Amino acid sequence: MRDRSGDGSVDRVVARIRAGLTVVAAAVEDGTALCAGQHQPVGAVSE
């Protein structure tokens, strides 16, 4: 993915996940993500 994006966006998302600023969930079947989403917690609120 890093090679495909080439714009640093993957690294930015990874950094957000590691910092707890983005949380990702996915429904995976046979190694393929069929559905995914995320939430963005900020204090007592998350989108």
ModelCIF file with pLDDT and N, C-alpha, C, O atoms, coordinates in Angstrom:
data_MODEL
#
_entry.id   MODEL 
#
_entity.id                         1 
_entity.type                       polymer 
_entity.pdbx_number_of_molecules   1 
#
_entity_poly.entity_id                      1 
_entity_poly.type                           'polypeptide(L)' 
_entity_poly.nstd_linkage                   no 
_entity_poly.nstd_monomer                   no 
_entity_poly.pdbx_seq_one_letter_code       MRDRSGDGSVDRVVARIRAGLTVVAAAVEDGTALCAGQHQPVGAVSE 
_entity_poly.pdbx_seq_one_letter_code_can   MRDRSGDGSVDRVVARIRAGLTVVAAAVEDGTALCAGQHQPVGAVSE 
_entity_poly.pdbx_strand_id                 A 
#
loop_
_entity_poly_seq.entity_id 
_entity_poly_seq.num 
_entity_poly_seq.mon_id 
_entity_poly_seq.hetero 
1 1  MET n 
1 2  ARG n 
1 3  ASP n 
1 4  ARG n 
1 5  SER n 
1 6  GLY n 
1 7  ASP n 
1 8  GLY n 
1 9  SER n 
1 10 VAL n 
1 11 ASP n 
1 12 ARG n 
1 13 VAL n 
1 14 VAL n 
1 15 ALA n 
1 16 ARG n 
1 17 ILE n 
1 18 ARG n 
1 19 ALA n 
1 20 GLY n 
1 21 LEU n 
1 22 THR n 
1 23 VAL n 
1 24 VAL n 
1 25 ALA n 
1 26 ALA n 
1 27 ALA n 
1 28 VAL n 
1 29 GLU n 
1 30 ASP n 
1 31 GLY n 
1 32 THR n 
1 33 ALA n 
1 34 LEU n 
1 35 CYS n 
1 36 ALA n 
1 37 GLY n 
1 38 GLN n 
1 39 HIS n 
1 40 GLN n 
1 41 PRO n 
1 42 VAL n 
1 43 GLY n 
1 44 ALA n 
1 45 VAL n 
1 46 SER n 
1 47 GLU n 
#
_struct_asym.id          A 
_struct_asym.entity_id   1 
#
loop_
_ma_qa_metric.id 
_ma_qa_metric.mode 
_ma_qa_metric.name 
_ma_qa_metric.software_group_id 
_ma_qa_metric.type 
1 global pLDDT . pLDDT 
2 local  pLDDT . pLDDT 
#
_ma_qa_metric_global.metric_id      1 
_ma_qa_metric_global.metric_value   89.72 
_ma_qa_metric_global.model_id       1 
_ma_qa_metric_global.ordinal_id     1 
#
loop_
_ma_qa_metric_local.label_asym_id 
_ma_qa_metric_local.label_comp_id 
_ma_qa_metric_local.label_seq_id 
_ma_qa_metric_local.metric_id 
_ma_qa_metric_local.metric_value 
_ma_qa_metric_local.model_id 
_ma_qa_metric_local.ordinal_id 
A MET 1  2 56.00 1 1  
A ARG 2  2 58.00 1 2  
A ASP 3  2 65.00 1 3  
A ARG 4  2 64.00 1 4  
A SER 5  2 69.00 1 5  
A GLY 6  2 76.00 1 6  
A ASP 7  2 82.00 1 7  
A GLY 8  2 81.00 1 8  
A SER 9  2 83.00 1 9  
A VAL 10 2 85.00 1 10 
A ASP 11 2 88.00 1 11 
A ARG 12 2 90.00 1 12 
A VAL 13 2 88.00 1 13 
A VAL 14 2 89.00 1 14 
A ALA 15 2 93.00 1 15 
A ARG 16 2 93.00 1 16 
A ILE 17 2 93.00 1 17 
A ARG 18 2 95.00 1 18 
A ALA 19 2 94.00 1 19 
A GLY 20 2 90.00 1 20 
A LEU 21 2 93.00 1 21 
A THR 22 2 95.00 1 22 
A VAL 23 2 96.00 1 23 
A VAL 24 2 96.00 1 24 
A ALA 25 2 97.00 1 25 
A ALA 26 2 97.00 1 26 
A ALA 27 2 97.00 1 27 
A VAL 28 2 96.00 1 28 
A GLU 29 2 95.00 1 29 
A ASP 30 2 95.00 1 30 
A GLY 31 2 94.00 1 31 
A THR 32 2 93.00 1 32 
A ALA 33 2 95.00 1 33 
A LEU 34 2 97.00 1 34 
A CYS 35 2 97.00 1 35 
A ALA 36 2 97.00 1 36 
A GLY 37 2 96.00 1 37 
A GLN 38 2 96.00 1 38 
A HIS 39 2 97.00 1 39 
A GLN 40 2 95.00 1 40 
A PRO 41 2 96.00 1 41 
A VAL 42 2 95.00 1 42 
A GLY 43 2 95.00 1 43 
A ALA 44 2 97.00 1 44 
A VAL 45 2 96.00 1 45 
A SER 46 2 97.00 1 46 
A GLU 47 2 95.00 1 47 
#
loop_
_atom_site.group_PDB 
_atom_site.id 
_atom_site.type_symbol 
_atom_site.label_atom_id 
_atom_site.label_alt_id 
_atom_site.label_comp_id 
_atom_site.label_asym_id 
_atom_site.label_entity_id 
_atom_site.label_seq_id 
_atom_site.pdbx_PDB_ins_code 
_atom_site.Cartn_x 
_atom_site.Cartn_y 
_atom_site.Cartn_z 
_atom_site.occupancy 
_atom_site.B_iso_or_equiv 
_atom_site.pdbx_formal_charge 
_atom_site.auth_seq_id 
_atom_site.auth_comp_id 
_atom_site.auth_asym_id 
_atom_site.auth_atom_id 
_atom_site.pdbx_PDB_model_num 
ATOM 1   N N  . MET A 1 1  ? 0.818   -1.184  0.000  1.00 56.00 ? 1  MET A N  1 
ATOM 2   C CA . MET A 1 1  ? 0.000   0.000   0.000  1.00 56.00 ? 1  MET A CA 1 
ATOM 3   C C  . MET A 1 1  ? 0.868   1.256   0.000  1.00 56.00 ? 1  MET A C  1 
ATOM 4   O O  . MET A 1 1  ? 0.553   2.241   -0.667 1.00 56.00 ? 1  MET A O  1 
ATOM 5   N N  . ARG A 1 2  ? 1.964   1.208   0.756  1.00 58.00 ? 2  ARG A N  1 
ATOM 6   C CA . ARG A 1 2  ? 2.814   2.399   0.785  1.00 58.00 ? 2  ARG A CA 1 
ATOM 7   C C  . ARG A 1 2  ? 3.336   2.719   -0.612 1.00 58.00 ? 2  ARG A C  1 
ATOM 8   O O  . ARG A 1 2  ? 3.388   3.883   -1.009 1.00 58.00 ? 2  ARG A O  1 
ATOM 9   N N  . ASP A 1 3  ? 3.723   1.676   -1.360 1.00 65.00 ? 3  ASP A N  1 
ATOM 10  C CA . ASP A 1 3  ? 4.238   1.892   -2.711 1.00 65.00 ? 3  ASP A CA 1 
ATOM 11  C C  . ASP A 1 3  ? 3.161   2.442   -3.631 1.00 65.00 ? 3  ASP A C  1 
ATOM 12  O O  . ASP A 1 3  ? 3.433   3.293   -4.477 1.00 65.00 ? 3  ASP A O  1 
ATOM 13  N N  . ARG A 1 4  ? 1.934   1.953   -3.463 1.00 64.00 ? 4  ARG A N  1 
ATOM 14  C CA . ARG A 1 4  ? 0.849   2.408   -4.338 1.00 64.00 ? 4  ARG A CA 1 
ATOM 15  C C  . ARG A 1 4  ? 0.441   3.844   -4.056 1.00 64.00 ? 4  ARG A C  1 
ATOM 16  O O  . ARG A 1 4  ? 0.175   4.605   -4.987 1.00 64.00 ? 4  ARG A O  1 
ATOM 17  N N  . SER A 1 5  ? 0.388   4.225   -2.787 1.00 69.00 ? 5  SER A N  1 
ATOM 18  C CA . SER A 1 5  ? -0.093  5.568   -2.482 1.00 69.00 ? 5  SER A CA 1 
ATOM 19  C C  . SER A 1 5  ? 0.961   6.614   -2.825 1.00 69.00 ? 5  SER A C  1 
ATOM 20  O O  . SER A 1 5  ? 0.646   7.636   -3.433 1.00 69.00 ? 5  SER A O  1 
ATOM 21  N N  . GLY A 1 6  ? 2.198   6.367   -2.444 1.00 76.00 ? 6  GLY A N  1 
ATOM 22  C CA . GLY A 1 6  ? 3.285   7.259   -2.806 1.00 76.00 ? 6  GLY A CA 1 
ATOM 23  C C  . GLY A 1 6  ? 3.200   8.666   -2.248 1.00 76.00 ? 6  GLY A C  1 
ATOM 24  O O  . GLY A 1 6  ? 4.085   9.484   -2.496 1.00 76.00 ? 6  GLY A O  1 
ATOM 25  N N  . ASP A 1 7  ? 2.143   8.962   -1.494 1.00 82.00 ? 7  ASP A N  1 
ATOM 26  C CA . ASP A 1 7  ? 1.968   10.334  -1.007 1.00 82.00 ? 7  ASP A CA 1 
ATOM 27  C C  . ASP A 1 7  ? 2.092   10.448  0.511  1.00 82.00 ? 7  ASP A C  1 
ATOM 28  O O  . ASP A 1 7  ? 1.859   11.515  1.078  1.00 82.00 ? 7  ASP A O  1 
ATOM 29  N N  . GLY A 1 8  ? 2.458   9.347   1.167  1.00 81.00 ? 8  GLY A N  1 
ATOM 30  C CA . GLY A 1 8  ? 2.611   9.369   2.617  1.00 81.00 ? 8  GLY A CA 1 
ATOM 31  C C  . GLY A 1 8  ? 1.310   9.161   3.384  1.00 81.00 ? 8  GLY A C  1 
ATOM 32  O O  . GLY A 1 8  ? 1.314   9.155   4.615  1.00 81.00 ? 8  GLY A O  1 
ATOM 33  N N  . SER A 1 9  ? 0.198   8.991   2.673  1.00 83.00 ? 9  SER A N  1 
ATOM 34  C CA . SER A 1 9  ? -1.092  8.865   3.359  1.00 83.00 ? 9  SER A CA 1 
ATOM 35  C C  . SER A 1 9  ? -1.164  7.606   4.216  1.00 83.00 ? 9  SER A C  1 
ATOM 36  O O  . SER A 1 9  ? -1.770  7.634   5.288  1.00 83.00 ? 9  SER A O  1 
ATOM 37  N N  . VAL A 1 10 ? -0.569  6.516   3.777  1.00 85.00 ? 10 VAL A N  1 
ATOM 38  C CA . VAL A 1 10 ? -0.590  5.279   4.565  1.00 85.00 ? 10 VAL A CA 1 
ATOM 39  C C  . VAL A 1 10 ? 0.167   5.495   5.872  1.00 85.00 ? 10 VAL A C  1 
ATOM 40  O O  . VAL A 1 10 ? -0.305  5.084   6.932  1.00 85.00 ? 10 VAL A O  1 
ATOM 41  N N  . ASP A 1 11 ? 1.313   6.124   5.812  1.00 88.00 ? 11 ASP A N  1 
ATOM 42  C CA . ASP A 1 11 ? 2.086   6.392   7.025  1.00 88.00 ? 11 ASP A CA 1 
ATOM 43  C C  . ASP A 1 11 ? 1.313   7.295   7.981  1.00 88.00 ? 11 ASP A C  1 
ATOM 44  O O  . ASP A 1 11 ? 1.371   7.102   9.196  1.00 88.00 ? 11 ASP A O  1 
ATOM 45  N N  . ARG A 1 12 ? 0.590   8.279   7.447  1.00 90.00 ? 12 ARG A N  1 
ATOM 46  C CA . ARG A 1 12 ? -0.214  9.163   8.300  1.00 90.00 ? 12 ARG A CA 1 
ATOM 47  C C  . ARG A 1 12 ? -1.322  8.391   9.007  1.00 90.00 ? 12 ARG A C  1 
ATOM 48  O O  . ARG A 1 12 ? -1.569  8.608   10.193 1.00 90.00 ? 12 ARG A O  1 
ATOM 49  N N  . VAL A 1 13 ? -1.988  7.493   8.287  1.00 88.00 ? 13 VAL A N  1 
ATOM 50  C CA . VAL A 1 13 ? -3.055  6.697   8.903  1.00 88.00 ? 13 VAL A CA 1 
ATOM 51  C C  . VAL A 1 13 ? -2.478  5.765   9.957  1.00 88.00 ? 13 VAL A C  1 
ATOM 52  O O  . VAL A 1 13 ? -3.042  5.640   11.044 1.00 88.00 ? 13 VAL A O  1 
ATOM 53  N N  . VAL A 1 14 ? -1.379  5.118   9.658  1.00 89.00 ? 14 VAL A N  1 
ATOM 54  C CA . VAL A 1 14 ? -0.731  4.227   10.630 1.00 89.00 ? 14 VAL A CA 1 
ATOM 55  C C  . VAL A 1 14 ? -0.378  5.007   11.893 1.00 89.00 ? 14 VAL A C  1 
ATOM 56  O O  . VAL A 1 14 ? -0.593  4.518   13.002 1.00 89.00 ? 14 VAL A O  1 
ATOM 57  N N  . ALA A 1 15 ? 0.155   6.197   11.736 1.00 93.00 ? 15 ALA A N  1 
ATOM 58  C CA . ALA A 1 15 ? 0.510   7.022   12.898 1.00 93.00 ? 15 ALA A CA 1 
ATOM 59  C C  . ALA A 1 15 ? -0.733  7.377   13.714 1.00 93.00 ? 15 ALA A C  1 
ATOM 60  O O  . ALA A 1 15 ? -0.678  7.376   14.943 1.00 93.00 ? 15 ALA A O  1 
ATOM 61  N N  . ARG A 1 16 ? -1.855  7.681   13.052 1.00 93.00 ? 16 ARG A N  1 
ATOM 62  C CA . ARG A 1 16 ? -3.101  8.003   13.763 1.00 93.00 ? 16 ARG A CA 1 
ATOM 63  C C  . ARG A 1 16 ? -3.614  6.790   14.538 1.00 93.00 ? 16 ARG A C  1 
ATOM 64  O O  . ARG A 1 16 ? -4.086  6.919   15.667 1.00 93.00 ? 16 ARG A O  1 
ATOM 65  N N  . ILE A 1 17 ? -3.518  5.620   13.926 1.00 93.00 ? 17 ILE A N  1 
ATOM 66  C CA . ILE A 1 17 ? -3.968  4.400   14.607 1.00 93.00 ? 17 ILE A CA 1 
ATOM 67  C C  . ILE A 1 17 ? -3.094  4.136   15.827 1.00 93.00 ? 17 ILE A C  1 
ATOM 68  O O  . ILE A 1 17 ? -3.609  3.848   16.907 1.00 93.00 ? 17 ILE A O  1 
ATOM 69  N N  . ARG A 1 18 ? -1.795  4.231   15.665 1.00 95.00 ? 18 ARG A N  1 
ATOM 70  C CA . ARG A 1 18 ? -0.875  3.991   16.787 1.00 95.00 ? 18 ARG A CA 1 
ATOM 71  C C  . ARG A 1 18 ? -1.079  4.989   17.914 1.00 95.00 ? 18 ARG A C  1 
ATOM 72  O O  . ARG A 1 18 ? -0.901  4.650   19.083 1.00 95.00 ? 18 ARG A O  1 
ATOM 73  N N  . ALA A 1 19 ? -1.451  6.221   17.572 1.00 94.00 ? 19 ALA A N  1 
ATOM 74  C CA . ALA A 1 19 ? -1.670  7.258   18.579 1.00 94.00 ? 19 ALA A CA 1 
ATOM 75  C C  . ALA A 1 19 ? -3.060  7.179   19.208 1.00 94.00 ? 19 ALA A C  1 
ATOM 76  O O  . ALA A 1 19 ? -3.358  7.937   20.131 1.00 94.00 ? 19 ALA A O  1 
ATOM 77  N N  . GLY A 1 20 ? -3.913  6.276   18.725 1.00 90.00 ? 20 GLY A N  1 
ATOM 78  C CA . GLY A 1 20 ? -5.263  6.154   19.264 1.00 90.00 ? 20 GLY A CA 1 
ATOM 79  C C  . GLY A 1 20 ? -6.225  7.199   18.745 1.00 90.00 ? 20 GLY A C  1 
ATOM 80  O O  . GLY A 1 20 ? -7.318  7.356   19.288 1.00 90.00 ? 20 GLY A O  1 
ATOM 81  N N  . LEU A 1 21 ? -5.833  7.924   17.693 1.00 93.00 ? 21 LEU A N  1 
ATOM 82  C CA . LEU A 1 21 ? -6.696  8.954   17.111 1.00 93.00 ? 21 LEU A CA 1 
ATOM 83  C C  . LEU A 1 21 ? -7.679  8.381   16.096 1.00 93.00 ? 21 LEU A C  1 
ATOM 84  O O  . LEU A 1 21 ? -8.682  9.017   15.773 1.00 93.00 ? 21 LEU A O  1 
ATOM 85  N N  . THR A 1 22 ? -7.397  7.193   15.598 1.00 95.00 ? 22 THR A N  1 
ATOM 86  C CA . THR A 1 22 ? -8.263  6.477   14.672 1.00 95.00 ? 22 THR A CA 1 
ATOM 87  C C  . THR A 1 22 ? -8.308  5.019   15.114 1.00 95.00 ? 22 THR A C  1 
ATOM 88  O O  . THR A 1 22 ? -7.278  4.412   15.407 1.00 95.00 ? 22 THR A O  1 
ATOM 89  N N  . VAL A 1 23 ? -9.516  4.469   15.158 1.00 96.00 ? 23 VAL A N  1 
ATOM 90  C CA . VAL A 1 23 ? -9.698  3.052   15.490 1.00 96.00 ? 23 VAL A CA 1 
ATOM 91  C C  . VAL A 1 23 ? -10.408 2.413   14.307 1.00 96.00 ? 23 VAL A C  1 
ATOM 92  O O  . VAL A 1 23 ? -11.432 2.917   13.845 1.00 96.00 ? 23 VAL A O  1 
ATOM 93  N N  . VAL A 1 24 ? -9.866  1.306   13.818 1.00 96.00 ? 24 VAL A N  1 
ATOM 94  C CA . VAL A 1 24 ? -10.403 0.629   12.634 1.00 96.00 ? 24 VAL A CA 1 
ATOM 95  C C  . VAL A 1 24 ? -11.008 -0.708  13.048 1.00 96.00 ? 24 VAL A C  1 
ATOM 96  O O  . VAL A 1 24 ? -10.460 -1.421  13.888 1.00 96.00 ? 24 VAL A O  1 
ATOM 97  N N  . ALA A 1 25 ? -12.152 -1.035  12.440 1.00 97.00 ? 25 ALA A N  1 
ATOM 98  C CA . ALA A 1 25 ? -12.763 -2.360  12.593 1.00 97.00 ? 25 ALA A CA 1 
ATOM 99  C C  . ALA A 1 25 ? -13.076 -2.877  11.204 1.00 97.00 ? 25 ALA A C  1 
ATOM 100 O O  . ALA A 1 25 ? -13.388 -2.099  10.302 1.00 97.00 ? 25 ALA A O  1 
ATOM 101 N N  . ALA A 1 26 ? -12.993 -4.189  11.026 1.00 97.00 ? 26 ALA A N  1 
ATOM 102 C CA . ALA A 1 26 ? -13.261 -4.783  9.715  1.00 97.00 ? 26 ALA A CA 1 
ATOM 103 C C  . ALA A 1 26 ? -13.906 -6.149  9.875  1.00 97.00 ? 26 ALA A C  1 
ATOM 104 O O  . ALA A 1 26 ? -13.675 -6.854  10.857 1.00 97.00 ? 26 ALA A O  1 
ATOM 105 N N  . ALA A 1 27 ? -14.719 -6.506  8.889  1.00 97.00 ? 27 ALA A N  1 
ATOM 106 C CA . ALA A 1 27 ? -15.250 -7.859  8.760  1.00 97.00 ? 27 ALA A CA 1 
ATOM 107 C C  . ALA A 1 27 ? -14.388 -8.538  7.702  1.00 97.00 ? 27 ALA A C  1 
ATOM 108 O O  . ALA A 1 27 ? -14.361 -8.116  6.545  1.00 97.00 ? 27 ALA A O  1 
ATOM 109 N N  . VAL A 1 28 ? -13.687 -9.587  8.106  1.00 96.00 ? 28 VAL A N  1 
ATOM 110 C CA . VAL A 1 28 ? -12.719 -10.249 7.230  1.00 96.00 ? 28 VAL A CA 1 
ATOM 111 C C  . VAL A 1 28 ? -13.137 -11.697 7.027  1.00 96.00 ? 28 VAL A C  1 
ATOM 112 O O  . VAL A 1 28 ? -13.526 -12.388 7.969  1.00 96.00 ? 28 VAL A O  1 
ATOM 113 N N  . GLU A 1 29 ? -13.049 -12.139 5.778  1.00 95.00 ? 29 GLU A N  1 
ATOM 114 C CA . GLU A 1 29 ? -13.367 -13.524 5.446  1.00 95.00 ? 29 GLU A CA 1 
ATOM 115 C C  . GLU A 1 29 ? -12.291 -14.048 4.502  1.00 95.00 ? 29 GLU A C  1 
ATOM 116 O O  . GLU A 1 29 ? -12.021 -13.443 3.465  1.00 95.00 ? 29 GLU A O  1 
ATOM 117 N N  . ASP A 1 30 ? -11.687 -15.153 4.856  1.00 95.00 ? 30 ASP A N  1 
ATOM 118 C CA . ASP A 1 30 ? -10.627 -15.754 4.046  1.00 95.00 ? 30 ASP A CA 1 
ATOM 119 C C  . ASP A 1 30 ? -9.530  -14.753 3.697  1.00 95.00 ? 30 ASP A C  1 
ATOM 120 O O  . ASP A 1 30 ? -9.012  -14.748 2.580  1.00 95.00 ? 30 ASP A O  1 
ATOM 121 N N  . GLY A 1 31 ? -9.181  -13.905 4.669  1.00 94.00 ? 31 GLY A N  1 
ATOM 122 C CA . GLY A 1 31 ? -8.100  -12.952 4.479  1.00 94.00 ? 31 GLY A CA 1 
ATOM 123 C C  . GLY A 1 31 ? -8.459  -11.703 3.701  1.00 94.00 ? 31 GLY A C  1 
ATOM 124 O O  . GLY A 1 31 ? -7.588  -10.879 3.422  1.00 94.00 ? 31 GLY A O  1 
ATOM 125 N N  . THR A 1 32 ? -9.737  -11.546 3.341  1.00 93.00 ? 32 THR A N  1 
ATOM 126 C CA . THR A 1 32 ? -10.173 -10.373 2.584  1.00 93.00 ? 32 THR A CA 1 
ATOM 127 C C  . THR A 1 32 ? -11.097 -9.525  3.444  1.00 93.00 ? 32 THR A C  1 
ATOM 128 O O  . THR A 1 32 ? -12.062 -10.034 4.014  1.00 93.00 ? 32 THR A O  1 
ATOM 129 N N  . ALA A 1 33 ? -10.804 -8.237  3.537  1.00 95.00 ? 33 ALA A N  1 
ATOM 130 C CA . ALA A 1 33 ? -11.694 -7.316  4.253  1.00 95.00 ? 33 ALA A CA 1 
ATOM 131 C C  . ALA A 1 33 ? -12.921 -7.072  3.386  1.00 95.00 ? 33 ALA A C  1 
ATOM 132 O O  . ALA A 1 33 ? -12.825 -6.508  2.295  1.00 95.00 ? 33 ALA A O  1 
ATOM 133 N N  . LEU A 1 34 ? -14.074 -7.503  3.883  1.00 97.00 ? 34 LEU A N  1 
ATOM 134 C CA . LEU A 1 34 ? -15.332 -7.325  3.151  1.00 97.00 ? 34 LEU A CA 1 
ATOM 135 C C  . LEU A 1 34 ? -16.014 -6.019  3.506  1.00 97.00 ? 34 LEU A C  1 
ATOM 136 O O  . LEU A 1 34 ? -16.742 -5.445  2.697  1.00 97.00 ? 34 LEU A O  1 
ATOM 137 N N  . CYS A 1 35 ? -15.775 -5.559  4.714  1.00 97.00 ? 35 CYS A N  1 
ATOM 138 C CA . CYS A 1 35 ? -16.385 -4.328  5.209  1.00 97.00 ? 35 CYS A CA 1 
ATOM 139 C C  . CYS A 1 35 ? -15.435 -3.733  6.235  1.00 97.00 ? 35 CYS A C  1 
ATOM 140 O O  . CYS A 1 35 ? -14.795 -4.466  6.989  1.00 97.00 ? 35 CYS A O  1 
ATOM 141 N N  . ALA A 1 36 ? -15.339 -2.424  6.267  1.00 97.00 ? 36 ALA A N  1 
ATOM 142 C CA . ALA A 1 36 ? -14.477 -1.767  7.254  1.00 97.00 ? 36 ALA A CA 1 
ATOM 143 C C  . ALA A 1 36 ? -15.030 -0.388  7.568  1.00 97.00 ? 36 ALA A C  1 
ATOM 144 O O  . ALA A 1 36 ? -15.829 0.171   6.817  1.00 97.00 ? 36 ALA A O  1 
ATOM 145 N N  . GLY A 1 37 ? -14.591 0.137   8.683  1.00 96.00 ? 37 GLY A N  1 
ATOM 146 C CA . GLY A 1 37 ? -14.958 1.488   9.095  1.00 96.00 ? 37 GLY A CA 1 
ATOM 147 C C  . GLY A 1 37 ? -14.021 1.918   10.200 1.00 96.00 ? 37 GLY A C  1 
ATOM 148 O O  . GLY A 1 37 ? -13.143 1.163   10.618 1.00 96.00 ? 37 GLY A O  1 
ATOM 149 N N  . GLN A 1 38 ? -14.212 3.132   10.668 1.00 96.00 ? 38 GLN A N  1 
ATOM 150 C CA . GLN A 1 38 ? -13.352 3.640   11.726 1.00 96.00 ? 38 GLN A CA 1 
ATOM 151 C C  . GLN A 1 38 ? -14.095 4.639   12.590 1.00 96.00 ? 38 GLN A C  1 
ATOM 152 O O  . GLN A 1 38 ? -15.120 5.191   12.191 1.00 96.00 ? 38 GLN A O  1 
ATOM 153 N N  . HIS A 1 39 ? -13.562 4.860   13.779 1.00 97.00 ? 39 HIS A N  1 
ATOM 154 C CA . HIS A 1 39 ? -14.066 5.969   14.587 1.00 97.00 ? 39 HIS A CA 1 
ATOM 155 C C  . HIS A 1 39 ? -12.896 6.817   15.029 1.00 97.00 ? 39 HIS A C  1 
ATOM 156 O O  . HIS A 1 39 ? -11.765 6.343   15.147 1.00 97.00 ? 39 HIS A O  1 
ATOM 157 N N  . GLN A 1 40 ? -13.194 8.091   15.274 1.00 95.00 ? 40 GLN A N  1 
ATOM 158 C CA . GLN A 1 40 ? -12.179 9.100   15.558 1.00 95.00 ? 40 GLN A CA 1 
ATOM 159 C C  . GLN A 1 40 ? -12.440 9.692   16.944 1.00 95.00 ? 40 GLN A C  1 
ATOM 160 O O  . GLN A 1 40 ? -13.091 10.732  17.046 1.00 95.00 ? 40 GLN A O  1 
ATOM 161 N N  . PRO A 1 41 ? -11.946 9.053   18.021 1.00 96.00 ? 41 PRO A N  1 
ATOM 162 C CA . PRO A 1 41 ? -12.236 9.571   19.354 1.00 96.00 ? 41 PRO A CA 1 
ATOM 163 C C  . PRO A 1 41 ? -11.463 10.850  19.679 1.00 96.00 ? 41 PRO A C  1 
ATOM 164 O O  . PRO A 1 41 ? -10.268 10.972  19.409 1.00 96.00 ? 41 PRO A O  1 
ATOM 165 N N  . VAL A 1 42 ? -12.200 11.801  20.271 1.00 95.00 ? 42 VAL A N  1 
ATOM 166 C CA . VAL A 1 42 ? -11.601 13.031  20.787 1.00 95.00 ? 42 VAL A CA 1 
ATOM 167 C C  . VAL A 1 42 ? -12.280 13.289  22.134 1.00 95.00 ? 42 VAL A C  1 
ATOM 168 O O  . VAL A 1 42 ? -13.418 13.753  22.185 1.00 95.00 ? 42 VAL A O  1 
ATOM 169 N N  . GLY A 1 43 ? -11.586 12.990  23.197 1.00 95.00 ? 43 GLY A N  1 
ATOM 170 C CA . GLY A 1 43 ? -12.183 13.123  24.523 1.00 95.00 ? 43 GLY A CA 1 
ATOM 171 C C  . GLY A 1 43 ? -13.375 12.193  24.661 1.00 95.00 ? 43 GLY A C  1 
ATOM 172 O O  . GLY A 1 43 ? -13.268 10.991  24.417 1.00 95.00 ? 43 GLY A O  1 
ATOM 173 N N  . ALA A 1 44 ? -14.507 12.752  25.053 1.00 97.00 ? 44 ALA A N  1 
ATOM 174 C CA . ALA A 1 44 ? -15.714 11.956  25.298 1.00 97.00 ? 44 ALA A CA 1 
ATOM 175 C C  . ALA A 1 44 ? -16.610 11.843  24.072 1.00 97.00 ? 44 ALA A C  1 
ATOM 176 O O  . ALA A 1 44 ? -17.760 11.419  24.183 1.00 97.00 ? 44 ALA A O  1 
ATOM 177 N N  . VAL A 1 45 ? -16.095 12.219  22.901 1.00 96.00 ? 45 VAL A N  1 
ATOM 178 C CA . VAL A 1 45 ? -16.878 12.202  21.663 1.00 96.00 ? 45 VAL A CA 1 
ATOM 179 C C  . VAL A 1 45 ? -16.110 11.447  20.588 1.00 96.00 ? 45 VAL A C  1 
ATOM 180 O O  . VAL A 1 45 ? -14.884 11.526  20.514 1.00 96.00 ? 45 VAL A O  1 
ATOM 181 N N  . SER A 1 46 ? -16.848 10.710  19.753 1.00 97.00 ? 46 SER A N  1 
ATOM 182 C CA . SER A 1 46 ? -16.202 10.054  18.616 1.00 97.00 ? 46 SER A CA 1 
ATOM 183 C C  . SER A 1 46 ? -17.155 10.025  17.432 1.00 97.00 ? 46 SER A C  1 
ATOM 184 O O  . SER A 1 46 ? -18.363 9.848   17.589 1.00 97.00 ? 46 SER A O  1 
ATOM 185 N N  . GLU A 1 47 ? -16.593 10.199  16.259 1.00 95.00 ? 47 GLU A N  1 
ATOM 186 C CA . GLU A 1 47 ? -17.368 10.110  15.025 1.00 95.00 ? 47 GLU A CA 1 
ATOM 187 C C  . GLU A 1 47 ? -17.017 8.808   14.320 1.00 95.00 ? 47 GLU A C  1 
ATOM 188 O O  . GLU A 1 47 ? -17.556 8.521   13.250 1.00 95.00 ? 47 GLU A O  1 
#
